Amino acid sequence: MRESLYLAWRYLAYHRIKTAILVTSIALIVFLPVGLRVLVDQSADQLTARAEATPLLVGAKGSPLELVLNSLYFESDVPETLRYAEAIRLDTMGLAQPIPLYVRFSARGYPIVATTLEYFAFRGLEIASGRSLTMLGDCVLGARVAAQLGVGAGGSITSSPESVFDIAGVYPLKMRVAGVLAFSDSPDDHAVFVDLKTAWVIQGLVHGHVDLSQPDAATGVLRRDSAVITANASVVQYQEITADNIDLFHFHGDLSDYPVTAVIAVPPDQRSEAILRGRYESPDERAQIVVPVSVIDELLDTILTVQTFVIVAVVVVGLSTLATAILVFLLSLRLRRREIETMVKIGGSRGSIAWVMTSEIVVVLLAGVLLASVLTLITAQFGSSAIRALIF
């Protein structure tokens, strides 16, 4: 038996290219459906884990999936906004802790997440260096943002305009990096966090400029009434908030009318959650309340349905490849007829010769399965990181 295995091994080693092709083909036949299943399961676990940690989400009526993806994963298009008054209303109800979110802008390709300090406690985020948000114009970077941009506490980052042809007079805002978050293995690692008011500054709803009541600002005054000073177009808004000009930033209108994209609602118990969901069931209600895990489950059901068709297609292709491999072995036996006749002439029994040929096939199959197992282990170990890089 040992001699047969040795002969089989030497034959495969001599025809290494053919052997490598056969081993790779068999490995892919085994790995593709299994590896795909591992990746889908890991993706589902990552998506549902964050959704399960978020009890309820309030947003403007529209696509629940778009609302969840924007609010939890900071992806997809910006959903319809609702008034900040909705967060105040939730707080007044006393049924849940409101955590407003405004996810609309970006900085150097990373989403700017405007929220309150309660968000960091809710997500269990900790400051690794520097400090938290304390001043208008501050920002806190996710761990991966800081690492990839090479920016730390004490540095700065500038918001990106929404359009190259933005003529609305909204200027990019240079923000101070107050701190950097510890790695959390979540979408928060890829975000830039600011206070809600800072996001409203980026949008132009809050702005600062020179004090028009001062004599040296006379060139920027268009009209001066008894109590109202109207500025002309020559007045330039500040693009950075500092200790010297922070008092010159001011709000226009009622703060409750300012926009947010969603409000995370964290009820203390199931009873409060049920009552809160019931209050948003009215047909006259302008906002919707969704359970993120239910929305993600519906998305995953669709993905799993597609996955089933993909796996079936992979299996069909795999069977075709396996049939081709069998054909290669059969043709190889025909081409090796003279070799087999030589082995018979030197005293080899038919059983020994059959065992040598069988050993070659077994070695190729085992090598293919072993390679598929290694690829599956690598996928299980590093697949989640690749998924986070692609999704988040």
Protein backbone atom coordinates (compact mmCIF):
# COMPACT_ATOMS: atom_id res chain seq x y z
CA MET A 1 0.00 0.00 0.00
CA ARG A 2 2.83 2.37 0.90
CA GLU A 3 4.51 1.67 -2.44
CA SER A 4 1.27 2.40 -4.29
CA LEU A 5 0.84 5.70 -2.50
CA TYR A 6 4.47 6.59 -3.29
CA LEU A 7 3.98 5.88 -6.99
CA ALA A 8 0.76 7.88 -7.02
CA TRP A 9 2.46 10.80 -5.29
CA ARG A 10 5.44 10.77 -7.67
CA TYR A 11 3.10 10.75 -10.69
CA LEU A 12 1.11 13.70 -9.36
CA ALA A 13 4.29 15.58 -8.45
CA TYR A 14 5.71 15.04 -11.94
CA HIS A 15 2.50 16.31 -13.58
CA ARG A 16 2.26 19.20 -11.14
CA ILE A 17 0.41 21.61 -13.44
CA LYS A 18 -2.38 19.14 -14.18
CA THR A 19 -2.52 18.22 -10.51
CA ALA A 20 -2.71 21.86 -9.41
CA ILE A 21 -5.57 22.54 -11.83
CA LEU A 22 -7.53 19.51 -10.62
CA VAL A 23 -6.95 20.31 -6.92
CA THR A 24 -7.97 23.95 -7.42
CA SER A 25 -11.10 22.97 -9.34
CA ILE A 26 -12.21 20.53 -6.64
CA ALA A 27 -11.38 23.04 -3.89
CA LEU A 28 -13.54 25.69 -5.54
CA ILE A 29 -16.38 23.20 -6.03
CA VAL A 30 -16.41 22.56 -2.27
CA PHE A 31 -15.52 26.07 -1.08
CA LEU A 32 -17.87 28.29 -3.07
CA PRO A 33 -21.22 27.19 -1.59
CA VAL A 34 -19.74 26.76 1.91
CA GLY A 35 -17.79 30.02 1.81
CA LEU A 36 -20.79 31.91 0.46
CA ARG A 37 -22.88 30.57 3.32
CA VAL A 38 -20.24 31.65 5.87
CA LEU A 39 -20.10 35.17 4.41
CA VAL A 40 -23.89 35.52 4.35
CA ASP A 41 -24.17 34.31 7.95
CA GLN A 42 -21.49 36.76 9.09
CA SER A 43 -23.15 39.61 7.21
CA ALA A 44 -26.49 38.75 8.77
CA ASP A 45 -24.95 38.62 12.26
CA GLN A 46 -23.32 42.03 11.85
CA LEU A 47 -26.45 43.66 10.47
CA THR A 48 -28.82 42.19 13.04
CA ALA A 49 -26.52 42.81 16.02
CA ARG A 50 -26.67 46.60 15.55
CA ALA A 51 -30.37 46.51 14.72
CA GLU A 52 -31.15 44.44 17.82
CA ALA A 53 -29.28 46.98 19.94
CA THR A 54 -31.54 49.78 18.64
CA PRO A 55 -35.08 49.39 20.07
CA LEU A 56 -37.04 51.94 18.02
CA LEU A 57 -36.39 54.52 15.35
CA VAL A 58 -38.57 57.52 14.58
CA GLY A 59 -38.35 59.26 11.22
CA ALA A 60 -40.35 60.97 8.52
CA LYS A 61 -42.76 58.75 6.63
CA GLY A 62 -41.08 57.03 3.71
CA SER A 63 -38.91 53.97 3.20
CA PRO A 64 -38.23 52.20 6.53
CA LEU A 65 -35.19 50.47 5.03
CA GLU A 66 -33.68 53.77 3.90
CA LEU A 67 -34.30 55.22 7.35
CA VAL A 68 -32.64 52.27 9.11
CA LEU A 69 -29.63 52.10 6.80
CA ASN A 70 -29.00 55.83 7.13
CA SER A 71 -29.46 55.96 10.89
CA LEU A 72 -27.73 52.74 11.96
CA TYR A 73 -25.10 52.18 9.29
CA PHE A 74 -24.77 55.73 7.90
CA GLU A 75 -25.36 54.41 4.40
CA SER A 76 -27.97 54.98 1.66
CA ASP A 77 -29.46 58.28 0.54
CA VAL A 78 -30.55 60.90 3.05
CA PRO A 79 -34.16 60.16 4.07
CA GLU A 80 -36.81 62.81 4.43
CA THR A 81 -36.06 65.01 7.40
CA LEU A 82 -38.31 65.78 10.33
CA ARG A 83 -38.28 68.65 12.80
CA TYR A 84 -36.17 68.60 15.94
CA ALA A 85 -39.50 69.15 17.69
CA GLU A 86 -40.07 65.39 17.30
CA ALA A 87 -37.21 64.68 19.70
CA ILE A 88 -38.66 67.24 22.13
CA ARG A 89 -42.06 65.58 21.78
CA LEU A 90 -40.63 62.15 22.59
CA ASP A 91 -38.90 63.55 25.63
CA THR A 92 -42.16 65.17 26.77
CA MET A 93 -44.02 61.86 26.45
CA GLY A 94 -41.68 60.31 29.00
CA LEU A 95 -41.95 56.89 27.32
CA ALA A 96 -38.44 56.74 25.87
CA GLN A 97 -35.12 58.49 25.88
CA PRO A 98 -34.76 60.38 22.56
CA ILE A 99 -31.40 60.47 20.77
CA PRO A 100 -31.69 62.68 17.66
CA LEU A 101 -29.56 62.03 14.59
CA TYR A 102 -28.75 64.17 11.60
CA VAL A 103 -26.80 62.14 9.04
CA ARG A 104 -26.50 64.20 5.89
CA PHE A 105 -23.02 65.67 5.42
CA SER A 106 -19.58 64.15 5.00
CA ALA A 107 -15.94 65.02 5.54
CA ARG A 108 -13.28 63.59 3.22
CA GLY A 109 -15.57 60.73 2.27
CA TYR A 110 -16.65 59.82 5.81
CA PRO A 111 -20.20 60.47 7.09
CA ILE A 112 -20.72 63.26 9.60
CA VAL A 113 -23.07 62.00 12.30
CA ALA A 114 -24.66 64.82 14.27
CA THR A 115 -26.14 63.71 17.57
CA THR A 116 -26.05 64.30 21.32
CA LEU A 117 -23.73 63.01 24.04
CA GLU A 118 -26.32 60.38 24.97
CA TYR A 119 -25.48 58.55 21.74
CA PHE A 120 -21.98 57.66 22.98
CA ALA A 121 -23.36 56.15 26.18
CA PHE A 122 -26.08 54.32 24.26
CA ARG A 123 -23.58 52.70 21.86
CA GLY A 124 -20.99 52.11 24.59
CA LEU A 125 -18.42 54.30 22.82
CA GLU A 126 -15.38 55.46 24.77
CA ILE A 127 -12.86 58.19 24.09
CA ALA A 128 -9.42 56.70 23.42
CA SER A 129 -7.59 60.04 23.26
CA GLY A 130 -8.53 63.67 23.72
CA ARG A 131 -11.96 64.63 25.02
CA SER A 132 -15.63 64.50 24.04
CA LEU A 133 -17.74 67.19 22.37
CA THR A 134 -17.82 70.31 24.53
CA MET A 135 -17.85 73.28 22.16
CA LEU A 136 -19.54 74.33 18.93
CA GLY A 137 -17.31 73.24 16.05
CA ASP A 138 -15.85 70.22 17.86
CA CYS A 139 -15.82 66.77 16.31
CA VAL A 140 -14.88 63.30 17.48
CA LEU A 141 -13.42 60.82 15.00
CA GLY A 142 -14.13 57.11 14.77
CA ALA A 143 -11.09 54.88 15.24
CA ARG A 144 -10.71 53.95 11.56
CA VAL A 145 -11.25 57.52 10.37
CA ALA A 146 -8.45 58.76 12.62
CA ALA A 147 -6.14 55.92 11.55
CA GLN A 148 -6.78 56.25 7.81
CA LEU A 149 -6.57 60.05 7.75
CA GLY A 150 -3.71 60.25 10.22
CA VAL A 151 -5.57 62.88 12.25
CA GLY A 152 -5.74 62.87 16.04
CA ALA A 153 -6.93 65.02 18.91
CA GLY A 154 -5.86 68.61 18.37
CA GLY A 155 -6.00 68.36 14.60
CA SER A 156 -8.74 69.48 12.25
CA ILE A 157 -10.99 68.18 9.49
CA THR A 158 -13.13 70.12 7.02
CA SER A 159 -16.65 69.23 5.93
CA SER A 160 -17.22 68.54 2.25
CA PRO A 161 -19.71 70.54 0.14
CA GLU A 162 -22.73 68.54 -0.98
CA SER A 163 -22.25 69.70 -4.58
CA VAL A 164 -19.42 71.22 -6.58
CA PHE A 165 -21.91 73.77 -7.87
CA ASP A 166 -23.30 74.70 -4.45
CA ILE A 167 -24.33 78.35 -4.83
CA ALA A 168 -26.46 78.48 -1.69
CA GLY A 169 -23.74 80.23 0.23
CA VAL A 170 -23.02 77.30 2.54
CA TYR A 171 -19.30 77.21 3.25
CA PRO A 172 -17.24 74.16 4.30
CA LEU A 173 -16.65 74.20 8.06
CA LYS A 174 -13.23 73.52 9.51
CA MET A 175 -13.83 71.48 12.66
CA ARG A 176 -11.50 70.87 15.59
CA VAL A 177 -10.80 67.22 16.41
CA ALA A 178 -11.58 67.09 20.10
CA GLY A 179 -10.95 63.38 20.49
CA VAL A 180 -10.76 59.93 18.93
CA LEU A 181 -13.05 57.04 19.84
CA ALA A 182 -11.77 53.63 20.86
CA PHE A 183 -12.20 50.86 18.28
CA SER A 184 -15.74 49.45 18.53
CA ASP A 185 -15.87 47.12 15.50
CA SER A 186 -18.98 48.89 14.20
CA PRO A 187 -20.00 51.59 11.69
CA ASP A 188 -19.14 54.14 14.38
CA ASP A 189 -15.46 53.51 13.59
CA HIS A 190 -16.03 55.03 10.14
CA ALA A 191 -17.88 58.19 11.20
CA VAL A 192 -17.15 61.77 12.25
CA PHE A 193 -19.32 62.78 15.19
CA VAL A 194 -20.44 66.34 15.85
CA ASP A 195 -23.06 68.11 17.89
CA LEU A 196 -26.40 68.83 16.21
CA LYS A 197 -25.73 72.57 16.26
CA THR A 198 -22.44 72.04 14.45
CA ALA A 199 -24.28 70.20 11.66
CA TRP A 200 -26.72 73.08 11.44
CA VAL A 201 -23.75 75.42 11.09
CA ILE A 202 -22.52 73.28 8.17
CA GLN A 203 -25.95 73.58 6.58
CA GLY A 204 -25.94 77.35 7.01
CA LEU A 205 -28.86 77.50 9.42
CA VAL A 206 -26.49 78.79 12.07
CA HIS A 207 -23.77 81.19 11.03
CA GLY A 208 -21.32 83.70 12.35
CA HIS A 209 -19.90 86.86 10.87
CA VAL A 210 -18.50 90.18 12.01
CA ASP A 211 -20.60 92.22 14.42
CA LEU A 212 -22.50 94.54 12.07
CA SER A 213 -23.20 96.96 14.88
CA GLN A 214 -19.53 97.89 15.04
CA PRO A 215 -18.30 100.92 13.05
CA ASP A 216 -15.64 98.91 11.16
CA ALA A 217 -18.41 96.68 9.70
CA ALA A 218 -20.22 99.56 7.98
CA THR A 219 -19.23 98.35 4.50
CA GLY A 220 -21.18 95.14 5.07
CA VAL A 221 -24.45 96.84 6.04
CA LEU A 222 -27.17 97.02 3.38
CA ARG A 223 -29.84 98.66 5.49
CA ARG A 224 -30.00 99.76 9.12
CA ASP A 225 -33.39 100.13 10.80
CA SER A 226 -34.10 101.00 14.39
CA ALA A 227 -33.68 97.41 15.66
CA VAL A 228 -32.74 95.41 12.56
CA ILE A 229 -29.50 95.45 10.60
CA THR A 230 -29.57 93.88 7.12
CA ALA A 231 -26.23 92.70 5.75
CA ASN A 232 -25.22 92.81 2.10
CA ALA A 233 -23.51 90.10 0.06
CA SER A 234 -20.02 91.29 1.00
CA VAL A 235 -20.33 89.86 4.51
CA VAL A 236 -18.46 86.55 4.60
CA GLN A 237 -19.42 83.90 7.13
CA TYR A 238 -16.77 82.39 9.38
CA GLN A 239 -15.53 79.01 8.18
CA GLU A 240 -14.01 78.04 11.51
CA ILE A 241 -15.38 78.39 15.02
CA THR A 242 -12.84 79.66 17.53
CA ALA A 243 -12.92 80.99 21.07
CA ASP A 244 -12.73 84.51 19.61
CA ASN A 245 -15.71 84.29 17.25
CA ILE A 246 -17.98 81.68 18.88
CA ASP A 247 -20.13 84.40 20.46
CA LEU A 248 -20.82 85.82 16.99
CA PHE A 249 -22.57 82.62 15.81
CA HIS A 250 -26.31 82.94 16.07
CA PHE A 251 -29.49 81.01 15.25
CA HIS A 252 -32.38 82.16 13.09
CA GLY A 253 -35.91 81.08 13.91
CA ASP A 254 -37.14 78.46 16.34
CA LEU A 255 -34.65 75.70 17.18
CA SER A 256 -37.46 73.13 17.20
CA ASP A 257 -37.99 73.70 13.47
CA TYR A 258 -34.41 72.69 12.63
CA PRO A 259 -34.01 69.37 10.75
CA VAL A 260 -32.96 65.92 11.92
CA THR A 261 -33.06 62.68 9.91
CA ALA A 262 -34.14 60.37 12.74
CA VAL A 263 -34.59 59.97 16.47
CA ILE A 264 -33.53 56.81 18.28
CA ALA A 265 -36.11 56.03 20.95
CA VAL A 266 -34.93 53.97 23.92
CA PRO A 267 -37.92 52.93 26.08
CA PRO A 268 -37.22 51.70 29.63
CA ASP A 269 -39.50 48.65 29.34
CA GLN A 270 -41.77 46.74 26.96
CA ARG A 271 -44.89 48.46 28.24
CA SER A 272 -43.52 51.90 27.36
CA GLU A 273 -42.42 50.57 23.98
CA ALA A 274 -45.90 49.22 23.20
CA ILE A 275 -47.59 52.48 24.22
CA LEU A 276 -45.13 54.54 22.20
CA ARG A 277 -45.60 52.43 19.07
CA GLY A 278 -49.35 52.73 19.46
CA ARG A 279 -49.21 56.51 19.51
CA TYR A 280 -47.53 56.55 16.09
CA GLU A 281 -50.21 54.36 14.49
CA SER A 282 -52.56 57.28 13.87
CA PRO A 283 -53.18 57.95 10.15
CA ASP A 284 -52.72 61.66 10.83
CA GLU A 285 -49.25 61.08 12.22
CA ARG A 286 -46.58 62.73 10.07
CA ALA A 287 -43.76 60.58 11.45
CA GLN A 288 -43.27 56.83 11.46
CA ILE A 289 -41.82 54.56 14.11
CA VAL A 290 -40.01 51.39 13.04
CA VAL A 291 -38.39 48.43 14.77
CA PRO A 292 -34.94 48.23 13.10
CA VAL A 293 -34.49 44.50 13.66
CA SER A 294 -37.78 43.79 11.85
CA VAL A 295 -36.69 45.91 8.88
CA ILE A 296 -33.31 44.16 8.72
CA ASP A 297 -34.95 40.74 9.01
CA GLU A 298 -37.08 41.55 5.96
CA LEU A 299 -33.95 42.61 4.10
CA LEU A 300 -32.16 39.41 5.09
CA ASP A 301 -35.11 37.29 3.97
CA THR A 302 -34.70 38.81 0.51
CA ILE A 303 -30.94 38.27 0.60
CA LEU A 304 -31.36 34.64 1.69
CA THR A 305 -33.82 34.02 -1.12
CA VAL A 306 -31.30 35.35 -3.63
CA GLN A 307 -28.58 33.34 -1.88
CA THR A 308 -30.52 30.11 -2.43
CA PHE A 309 -30.61 30.70 -6.18
CA VAL A 310 -26.91 31.61 -6.18
CA ILE A 311 -25.98 28.45 -4.28
CA VAL A 312 -28.05 26.31 -6.65
CA ALA A 313 -26.24 27.92 -9.59
CA VAL A 314 -22.87 27.35 -7.89
CA VAL A 315 -23.73 23.70 -7.21
CA VAL A 316 -24.73 23.17 -10.86
CA VAL A 317 -21.49 24.74 -12.04
CA GLY A 318 -19.61 22.66 -9.46
CA LEU A 319 -21.16 19.45 -10.68
CA SER A 320 -20.22 20.38 -14.24
CA THR A 321 -16.66 21.03 -13.11
CA LEU A 322 -16.60 17.73 -11.21
CA ALA A 323 -17.80 15.92 -14.32
CA THR A 324 -15.00 17.57 -16.27
CA ALA A 325 -12.48 16.44 -13.64
CA ILE A 326 -13.77 12.85 -13.90
CA LEU A 327 -13.44 13.08 -17.67
CA VAL A 328 -9.84 14.23 -17.24
CA PHE A 329 -9.08 11.18 -15.08
CA LEU A 330 -10.69 8.81 -17.60
CA LEU A 331 -8.81 10.34 -20.53
CA SER A 332 -5.64 10.18 -18.47
CA LEU A 333 -6.14 6.43 -18.01
CA ARG A 334 -6.46 5.97 -21.77
CA LEU A 335 -3.32 7.99 -22.40
CA ARG A 336 -1.47 5.95 -19.79
CA ARG A 337 -2.29 2.58 -21.40
CA ARG A 338 1.34 1.89 -22.31
CA GLU A 339 2.41 2.83 -18.79
CA ILE A 340 -0.11 0.38 -17.34
CA GLU A 341 1.09 -2.37 -19.74
CA THR A 342 4.68 -1.76 -18.58
CA MET A 343 3.61 -2.07 -14.93
CA VAL A 344 1.94 -5.42 -15.76
CA LYS A 345 5.06 -6.68 -17.55
CA ILE A 346 7.30 -5.92 -14.57
CA GLY A 347 5.04 -7.95 -12.28
CA GLY A 348 2.42 -5.57 -11.04
CA SER A 349 -0.93 -7.15 -10.29
CA ARG A 350 -4.13 -5.66 -11.58
CA GLY A 351 -5.18 -4.93 -8.01
CA SER A 352 -1.96 -3.03 -7.28
CA ILE A 353 -2.24 -1.05 -10.50
CA ALA A 354 -5.88 -0.21 -9.74
CA TRP A 355 -4.88 0.87 -6.25
CA VAL A 356 -2.17 3.21 -7.66
CA MET A 357 -4.72 4.83 -9.96
CA THR A 358 -7.28 5.06 -7.17
CA SER A 359 -4.67 6.56 -4.84
CA GLU A 360 -4.02 9.34 -7.36
CA ILE A 361 -7.70 10.24 -7.43
CA VAL A 362 -8.01 10.04 -3.63
CA VAL A 363 -4.94 12.25 -3.11
CA VAL A 364 -6.30 14.87 -5.52
CA LEU A 365 -9.72 14.81 -3.84
CA LEU A 366 -8.25 15.04 -0.34
CA ALA A 367 -5.94 17.87 -1.38
CA GLY A 368 -8.90 19.75 -2.90
CA VAL A 369 -11.02 19.28 0.23
CA LEU A 370 -8.10 20.32 2.43
CA LEU A 371 -7.56 23.49 0.37
CA ALA A 372 -11.30 24.24 0.54
CA SER A 373 -11.19 23.80 4.33
CA VAL A 374 -8.27 26.22 4.60
CA LEU A 375 -10.12 28.78 2.45
CA THR A 376 -13.23 28.35 4.59
CA LEU A 377 -11.25 28.91 7.80
CA ILE A 378 -9.66 32.04 6.31
CA THR A 379 -13.10 33.28 5.28
CA ALA A 380 -14.50 32.63 8.75
CA GLN A 381 -11.53 34.41 10.34
CA PHE A 382 -11.19 37.44 8.09
CA GLY A 383 -14.49 37.51 6.21
CA SER A 384 -16.14 39.76 8.81
CA SER A 385 -13.38 42.36 8.39
CA ALA A 386 -13.80 42.28 4.62
CA ILE A 387 -17.56 42.62 4.99
CA ARG A 388 -17.17 45.63 7.30
CA ALA A 389 -14.80 47.22 4.81
CA LEU A 390 -17.35 46.75 2.01
CA ILE A 391 -20.54 47.52 3.94
CA PHE A 392 -19.37 50.12 6.42
